[in-house]
Amino acid sequence: MTKLNISNWGQPSERKFKKIADILLYSLPLYLGAVMASPMDETLKLWVNFGITFVIITVKTISKFTKEE
């Protein structure tokens, strides 16, 4: 497994992890639209969308701290 390090910020990211993070980020509108179309309470929809967005952006940010070996 790749070690996370702040000095890896400018380095090329690990390809497999970057591809997963990119796919999640690019499909974020699909996830958010599916939640908004679901038959849930409006407040719950907003919290679920917040959680999904937070997790995906966190994964993408963590992918920036990995380095191709």
PDB file of N, CA and C in Angstrom:
ATOM      1  N   MET A   1       0.842  -1.192   0.000  1.00  0.00           N
ATOM      2  CA  MET A   1       0.000   0.000   0.000  1.00  0.00           C
ATOM      3  C   MET A   1       0.876   1.241   0.000  1.00  0.00           C
ATOM      4  N   THR A   2       0.412   2.243  -0.658  1.00  0.00           N
ATOM      5  CA  THR A   2       1.138   3.500  -0.751  1.00  0.00           C
ATOM      6  C   THR A   2       1.008   4.284   0.544  1.00  0.00           C
ATOM      7  N   LYS A   3       2.119   4.854   0.964  1.00  0.00           N
ATOM      8  CA  LYS A   3       2.087   5.692   2.161  1.00  0.00           C
ATOM      9  C   LYS A   3       1.630   7.093   1.784  1.00  0.00           C
ATOM     10  N   LEU A   4       0.791   7.666   2.634  1.00  0.00           N
ATOM     11  CA  LEU A   4       0.336   9.039   2.428  1.00  0.00           C
ATOM     12  C   LEU A   4       1.390   9.988   2.967  1.00  0.00           C
ATOM     13  N   ASN A   5       1.690  11.035   2.201  1.00  0.00           N
ATOM     14  CA  ASN A   5       2.686  11.996   2.633  1.00  0.00           C
ATOM     15  C   ASN A   5       2.396  13.333   1.973  1.00  0.00           C
ATOM     16  N   ILE A   6       2.572  14.405   2.724  1.00  0.00           N
ATOM     17  CA  ILE A   6       2.305  15.749   2.196  1.00  0.00           C
ATOM     18  C   ILE A   6       3.269  16.101   1.066  1.00  0.00           C
ATOM     19  N   SER A   7       4.462  15.517   1.071  1.00  0.00           N
ATOM     20  CA  SER A   7       5.428  15.823   0.006  1.00  0.00           C
ATOM     21  C   SER A   7       5.027  15.197  -1.328  1.00  0.00           C
ATOM     22  N   ASN A   8       4.027  14.320  -1.341  1.00  0.00           N
ATOM     23  CA  ASN A   8       3.550  13.709  -2.575  1.00  0.00           C
ATOM     24  C   ASN A   8       2.559  14.597  -3.327  1.00  0.00           C
ATOM     25  N   TRP A   9       2.245  15.767  -2.813  1.00  0.00           N
ATOM     26  CA  TRP A   9       1.217  16.632  -3.401  1.00  0.00           C
ATOM     27  C   TRP A   9       1.505  16.948  -4.867  1.00  0.00           C
ATOM     28  N   GLY A  10       2.721  17.278  -5.213  1.00  0.00           N
ATOM     29  CA  GLY A  10       3.056  17.643  -6.583  1.00  0.00           C
ATOM     30  C   GLY A  10       3.409  16.456  -7.471  1.00  0.00           C
ATOM     31  N   GLN A  11       3.535  15.280  -6.899  1.00  0.00           N
ATOM     32  CA  GLN A  11       3.912  14.081  -7.648  1.00  0.00           C
ATOM     33  C   GLN A  11       2.686  13.492  -8.360  1.00  0.00           C
ATOM     34  N   PRO A  12       2.913  12.705  -9.404  1.00  0.00           N
ATOM     35  CA  PRO A  12       1.788  11.991 -10.028  1.00  0.00           C
ATOM     36  C   PRO A  12       1.174  10.995  -9.037  1.00  0.00           C
ATOM     37  N   SER A  13      -0.145  10.985  -8.966  1.00  0.00           N
ATOM     38  CA  SER A  13      -0.845  10.112  -8.017  1.00  0.00           C
ATOM     39  C   SER A  13      -0.800   8.665  -8.486  1.00  0.00           C
ATOM     40  N   GLU A  14      -0.995   7.746  -7.542  1.00  0.00           N
ATOM     41  CA  GLU A  14      -1.069   6.331  -7.880  1.00  0.00           C
ATOM     42  C   GLU A  14      -2.240   6.129  -8.838  1.00  0.00           C
ATOM     43  N   ARG A  15      -1.991   5.473  -9.966  1.00  0.00           N
ATOM     44  CA  ARG A  15      -2.981   5.405 -11.041  1.00  0.00           C
ATOM     45  C   ARG A  15      -4.283   4.737 -10.631  1.00  0.00           C
ATOM     46  N   LYS A  16      -4.206   3.603  -9.959  1.00  0.00           N
ATOM     47  CA  LYS A  16      -5.419   2.859  -9.608  1.00  0.00           C
ATOM     48  C   LYS A  16      -6.296   3.665  -8.639  1.00  0.00           C
ATOM     49  N   PHE A  17      -5.677   4.229  -7.615  1.00  0.00           N
ATOM     50  CA  PHE A  17      -6.419   5.002  -6.625  1.00  0.00           C
ATOM     51  C   PHE A  17      -6.967   6.284  -7.250  1.00  0.00           C
ATOM     52  N   LYS A  18      -6.175   6.911  -8.122  1.00  0.00           N
ATOM     53  CA  LYS A  18      -6.624   8.138  -8.789  1.00  0.00           C
ATOM     54  C   LYS A  18      -7.812   7.847  -9.701  1.00  0.00           C
ATOM     55  N   LYS A  19      -7.769   6.717 -10.412  1.00  0.00           N
ATOM     56  CA  LYS A  19      -8.861   6.369 -11.309  1.00  0.00           C
ATOM     57  C   LYS A  19     -10.155   6.152 -10.526  1.00  0.00           C
ATOM     58  N   ILE A  20     -10.076   5.472  -9.383  1.00  0.00           N
ATOM     59  CA  ILE A  20     -11.255   5.255  -8.542  1.00  0.00           C
ATOM     60  C   ILE A  20     -11.803   6.589  -8.039  1.00  0.00           C
ATOM     61  N   ALA A  21     -10.907   7.456  -7.549  1.00  0.00           N
ATOM     62  CA  ALA A  21     -11.336   8.760  -7.035  1.00  0.00           C
ATOM     63  C   ALA A  21     -11.954   9.616  -8.137  1.00  0.00           C
ATOM     64  N   ASP A  22     -11.372   9.576  -9.330  1.00  0.00           N
ATOM     65  CA  ASP A  22     -11.915  10.355 -10.449  1.00  0.00           C
ATOM     66  C   ASP A  22     -13.293   9.853 -10.874  1.00  0.00           C
ATOM     67  N   ILE A  23     -13.449   8.534 -10.955  1.00  0.00           N
ATOM     68  CA  ILE A  23     -14.751   7.976 -11.334  1.00  0.00           C
ATOM     69  C   ILE A  23     -15.819   8.362 -10.312  1.00  0.00           C
ATOM     70  N   LEU A  24     -15.475   8.292  -9.035  1.00  0.00           N
ATOM     71  CA  LEU A  24     -16.429   8.706  -7.996  1.00  0.00           C
ATOM     72  C   LEU A  24     -16.791  10.182  -8.149  1.00  0.00           C
ATOM     73  N   LEU A  25     -15.784  11.009  -8.380  1.00  0.00           N
ATOM     74  CA  LEU A  25     -16.036  12.448  -8.503  1.00  0.00           C
ATOM     75  C   LEU A  25     -16.859  12.765  -9.743  1.00  0.00           C
ATOM     76  N   TYR A  26     -16.555  12.126 -10.876  1.00  0.00           N
ATOM     77  CA  TYR A  26     -17.281  12.395 -12.116  1.00  0.00           C
ATOM     78  C   TYR A  26     -18.727  11.904 -12.047  1.00  0.00           C
ATOM     79  N   SER A  27     -18.983  10.871 -11.256  1.00  0.00           N
ATOM     80  CA  SER A  27     -20.342  10.347 -11.151  1.00  0.00           C
ATOM     81  C   SER A  27     -21.114  10.960  -9.985  1.00  0.00           C
ATOM     82  N   LEU A  28     -20.532  11.925  -9.308  1.00  0.00           N
ATOM     83  CA  LEU A  28     -21.201  12.583  -8.176  1.00  0.00           C
ATOM     84  C   LEU A  28     -22.569  13.158  -8.551  1.00  0.00           C
ATOM     85  N   PRO A  29     -22.732  13.859  -9.679  1.00  0.00           N
ATOM     86  CA  PRO A  29     -24.073  14.368 -10.020  1.00  0.00           C
ATOM     87  C   PRO A  29     -25.119  13.262 -10.171  1.00  0.00           C
ATOM     88  N   LEU A  30     -24.695  12.099 -10.652  1.00  0.00           N
ATOM     89  CA  LEU A  30     -25.612  10.974 -10.775  1.00  0.00           C
ATOM     90  C   LEU A  30     -26.109  10.528  -9.405  1.00  0.00           C
ATOM     91  N   TYR A  31     -25.185  10.411  -8.453  1.00  0.00           N
ATOM     92  CA  TYR A  31     -25.569  10.014  -7.090  1.00  0.00           C
ATOM     93  C   TYR A  31     -26.499  11.045  -6.459  1.00  0.00           C
ATOM     94  N   LEU A  32     -26.148  12.320  -6.621  1.00  0.00           N
ATOM     95  CA  LEU A  32     -26.956  13.376  -6.012  1.00  0.00           C
ATOM     96  C   LEU A  32     -28.349  13.428  -6.638  1.00  0.00           C
ATOM     97  N   GLY A  33     -28.429  13.245  -7.940  1.00  0.00           N
ATOM     98  CA  GLY A  33     -29.728  13.232  -8.606  1.00  0.00           C
ATOM     99  C   GLY A  33     -30.582  12.054  -8.178  1.00  0.00           C
ATOM    100  N   ALA A  34     -29.949  10.898  -7.983  1.00  0.00           N
ATOM    101  CA  ALA A  34     -30.690   9.714  -7.533  1.00  0.00           C
ATOM    102  C   ALA A  34     -31.246   9.916  -6.135  1.00  0.00           C
ATOM    103  N   VAL A  35     -30.483  10.556  -5.273  1.00  0.00           N
ATOM    104  CA  VAL A  35     -30.968  10.819  -3.916  1.00  0.00           C
ATOM    105  C   VAL A  35     -32.111  11.832  -3.954  1.00  0.00           C
ATOM    106  N   MET A  36     -31.968  12.872  -4.762  1.00  0.00           N
ATOM    107  CA  MET A  36     -33.018  13.895  -4.830  1.00  0.00           C
ATOM    108  C   MET A  36     -34.323  13.339  -5.404  1.00  0.00           C
ATOM    109  N   ALA A  37     -34.248  12.316  -6.244  1.00  0.00           N
ATOM    110  CA  ALA A  37     -35.449  11.723  -6.832  1.00  0.00           C
ATOM    111  C   ALA A  37     -36.064  10.651  -5.937  1.00  0.00           C
ATOM    112  N   SER A  38     -35.382  10.276  -4.877  1.00  0.00           N
ATOM    113  CA  SER A  38     -35.894   9.215  -4.011  1.00  0.00           C
ATOM    114  C   SER A  38     -37.005   9.733  -3.098  1.00  0.00           C
ATOM    115  N   PRO A  39     -37.903   8.851  -2.691  1.00  0.00           N
ATOM    116  CA  PRO A  39     -39.031   9.275  -1.844  1.00  0.00           C
ATOM    117  C   PRO A  39     -38.647   9.341  -0.359  1.00  0.00           C
ATOM    118  N   MET A  40     -37.833  10.328  -0.010  1.00  0.00           N
ATOM    119  CA  MET A  40     -37.424  10.533   1.387  1.00  0.00           C
ATOM    120  C   MET A  40     -37.812  11.939   1.807  1.00  0.00           C
ATOM    121  N   ASP A  41     -37.716  12.175   3.082  1.00  0.00           N
ATOM    122  CA  ASP A  41     -37.945  13.505   3.627  1.00  0.00           C
ATOM    123  C   ASP A  41     -36.879  14.460   3.078  1.00  0.00           C
ATOM    124  N   GLU A  42     -37.240  15.702   2.813  1.00  0.00           N
ATOM    125  CA  GLU A  42     -36.311  16.665   2.214  1.00  0.00           C
ATOM    126  C   GLU A  42     -35.066  16.887   3.070  1.00  0.00           C
ATOM    127  N   THR A  43     -35.224  16.939   4.374  1.00  0.00           N
ATOM    128  CA  THR A  43     -34.080  17.138   5.260  1.00  0.00           C
ATOM    129  C   THR A  43     -33.119  15.961   5.171  1.00  0.00           C
ATOM    130  N   LEU A  44     -33.652  14.759   5.122  1.00  0.00           N
ATOM    131  CA  LEU A  44     -32.815  13.563   5.001  1.00  0.00           C
ATOM    132  C   LEU A  44     -32.077  13.554   3.662  1.00  0.00           C
ATOM    133  N   LYS A  45     -32.751  13.971   2.605  1.00  0.00           N
ATOM    134  CA  LYS A  45     -32.100  14.039   1.295  1.00  0.00           C
ATOM    135  C   LYS A  45     -30.893  14.970   1.328  1.00  0.00           C
ATOM    136  N   LEU A  46     -31.056  16.126   1.964  1.00  0.00           N
ATOM    137  CA  LEU A  46     -29.953  17.083   2.047  1.00  0.00           C
ATOM    138  C   LEU A  46     -28.781  16.508   2.829  1.00  0.00           C
ATOM    139  N   TRP A  47     -29.060  15.819   3.936  1.00  0.00           N
ATOM    140  CA  TRP A  47     -27.992  15.225   4.740  1.00  0.00           C
ATOM    141  C   TRP A  47     -27.301  14.078   4.010  1.00  0.00           C
ATOM    142  N   VAL A  48     -28.061  13.276   3.281  1.00  0.00           N
ATOM    143  CA  VAL A  48     -27.459  12.184   2.507  1.00  0.00           C
ATOM    144  C   VAL A  48     -26.581  12.760   1.405  1.00  0.00           C
ATOM    145  N   ASN A  49     -27.048  13.792   0.719  1.00  0.00           N
ATOM    146  CA  ASN A  49     -26.239  14.434  -0.310  1.00  0.00           C
ATOM    147  C   ASN A  49     -24.973  15.044   0.274  1.00  0.00           C
ATOM    148  N   PHE A  50     -25.085  15.659   1.439  1.00  0.00           N
ATOM    149  CA  PHE A  50     -23.909  16.212   2.108  1.00  0.00           C
ATOM    150  C   PHE A  50     -22.912  15.099   2.422  1.00  0.00           C
ATOM    151  N   GLY A  51     -23.388  13.980   2.959  1.00  0.00           N
ATOM    152  CA  GLY A  51     -22.511  12.867   3.306  1.00  0.00           C
ATOM    153  C   GLY A  51     -21.818  12.282   2.095  1.00  0.00           C
ATOM    154  N   ILE A  52     -22.572  12.079   1.011  1.00  0.00           N
ATOM    155  CA  ILE A  52     -21.992  11.537  -0.218  1.00  0.00           C
ATOM    156  C   ILE A  52     -20.920  12.479  -0.761  1.00  0.00           C
ATOM    157  N   THR A  53     -21.226  13.758  -0.817  1.00  0.00           N
ATOM    158  CA  THR A  53     -20.273  14.740  -1.325  1.00  0.00           C
ATOM    159  C   THR A  53     -19.026  14.795  -0.454  1.00  0.00           C
ATOM    160  N   PHE A  54     -19.201  14.792   0.853  1.00  0.00           N
ATOM    161  CA  PHE A  54     -18.066  14.844   1.777  1.00  0.00           C
ATOM    162  C   PHE A  54     -17.146  13.644   1.597  1.00  0.00           C
ATOM    163  N   VAL A  55     -17.714  12.458   1.512  1.00  0.00           N
ATOM    164  CA  VAL A  55     -16.911  11.239   1.374  1.00  0.00           C
ATOM    165  C   VAL A  55     -16.151  11.238   0.047  1.00  0.00           C
ATOM    166  N   ILE A  56     -16.816  11.582  -1.036  1.00  0.00           N
ATOM    167  CA  ILE A  56     -16.173  11.538  -2.346  1.00  0.00           C
ATOM    168  C   ILE A  56     -15.057  12.579  -2.452  1.00  0.00           C
ATOM    169  N   ILE A  57     -15.289  13.779  -1.956  1.00  0.00           N
ATOM    170  CA  ILE A  57     -14.248  14.804  -2.012  1.00  0.00           C
ATOM    171  C   ILE A  57     -13.085  14.446  -1.092  1.00  0.00           C
ATOM    172  N   THR A  58     -13.361  13.807   0.036  1.00  0.00           N
ATOM    173  CA  THR A  58     -12.297  13.350   0.926  1.00  0.00           C
ATOM    174  C   THR A  58     -11.447  12.289   0.242  1.00  0.00           C
ATOM    175  N   VAL A  59     -12.074  11.341  -0.442  1.00  0.00           N
ATOM    176  CA  VAL A  59     -11.325  10.309  -1.166  1.00  0.00           C
ATOM    177  C   VAL A  59     -10.462  10.944  -2.257  1.00  0.00           C
ATOM    178  N   LYS A  60     -11.002  11.900  -2.983  1.00  0.00           N
ATOM    179  CA  LYS A  60     -10.237  12.574  -4.034  1.00  0.00           C
ATOM    180  C   LYS A  60      -9.053  13.326  -3.440  1.00  0.00           C
ATOM    181  N   THR A  61      -9.245  13.992  -2.310  1.00  0.00           N
ATOM    182  CA  THR A  61      -8.165  14.721  -1.656  1.00  0.00           C
ATOM    183  C   THR A  61      -7.088  13.761  -1.183  1.00  0.00           C
ATOM    184  N   ILE A  62      -7.474  12.649  -0.599  1.00  0.00           N
ATOM    185  CA  ILE A  62      -6.495  11.664  -0.135  1.00  0.00           C
ATOM    186  C   ILE A  62      -5.705  11.113  -1.310  1.00  0.00           C
ATOM    187  N   SER A  63      -6.327  10.973  -2.460  1.00  0.00           N
ATOM    188  CA  SER A  63      -5.615  10.456  -3.632  1.00  0.00           C
ATOM    189  C   SER A  63      -4.491  11.394  -4.059  1.00  0.00           C
ATOM    190  N   LYS A  64      -4.584  12.678  -3.739  1.00  0.00           N
ATOM    191  CA  LYS A  64      -3.525  13.622  -4.080  1.00  0.00           C
ATOM    192  C   LYS A  64      -2.283  13.416  -3.228  1.00  0.00           C
ATOM    193  N   PHE A  65      -2.397  12.741  -2.089  1.00  0.00           N
ATOM    194  CA  PHE A  65      -1.267  12.514  -1.199  1.00  0.00           C
ATOM    195  C   PHE A  65      -0.591  11.171  -1.431  1.00  0.00           C
ATOM    196  N   THR A  66      -0.964  10.482  -2.506  1.00  0.00           N
ATOM    197  CA  THR A  66      -0.311   9.225  -2.858  1.00  0.00           C
ATOM    198  C   THR A  66       0.671   9.487  -3.999  1.00  0.00           C
ATOM    199  N   LYS A  67       1.604   8.572  -4.201  1.00  0.00           N
ATOM    200  CA  LYS A  67       2.620   8.750  -5.230  1.00  0.00           C
ATOM    201  C   LYS A  67       2.738   7.479  -6.050  1.00  0.00           C
ATOM    202  N   GLU A  68       2.903   7.629  -7.345  1.00  0.00           N
ATOM    203  CA  GLU A  68       3.119   6.488  -8.236  1.00  0.00           C
ATOM    204  C   GLU A  68       4.495   5.890  -7.908  1.00  0.00           C
ATOM    205  N   GLU A  69       4.530   4.587  -7.705  1.00  0.00           N
ATOM    206  CA  GLU A  69       5.804   3.950  -7.347  1.00  0.00           C
ATOM    207  C   GLU A  69       6.356   3.138  -8.475  1.00  0.00           C
TER     208      GLU A  69
END
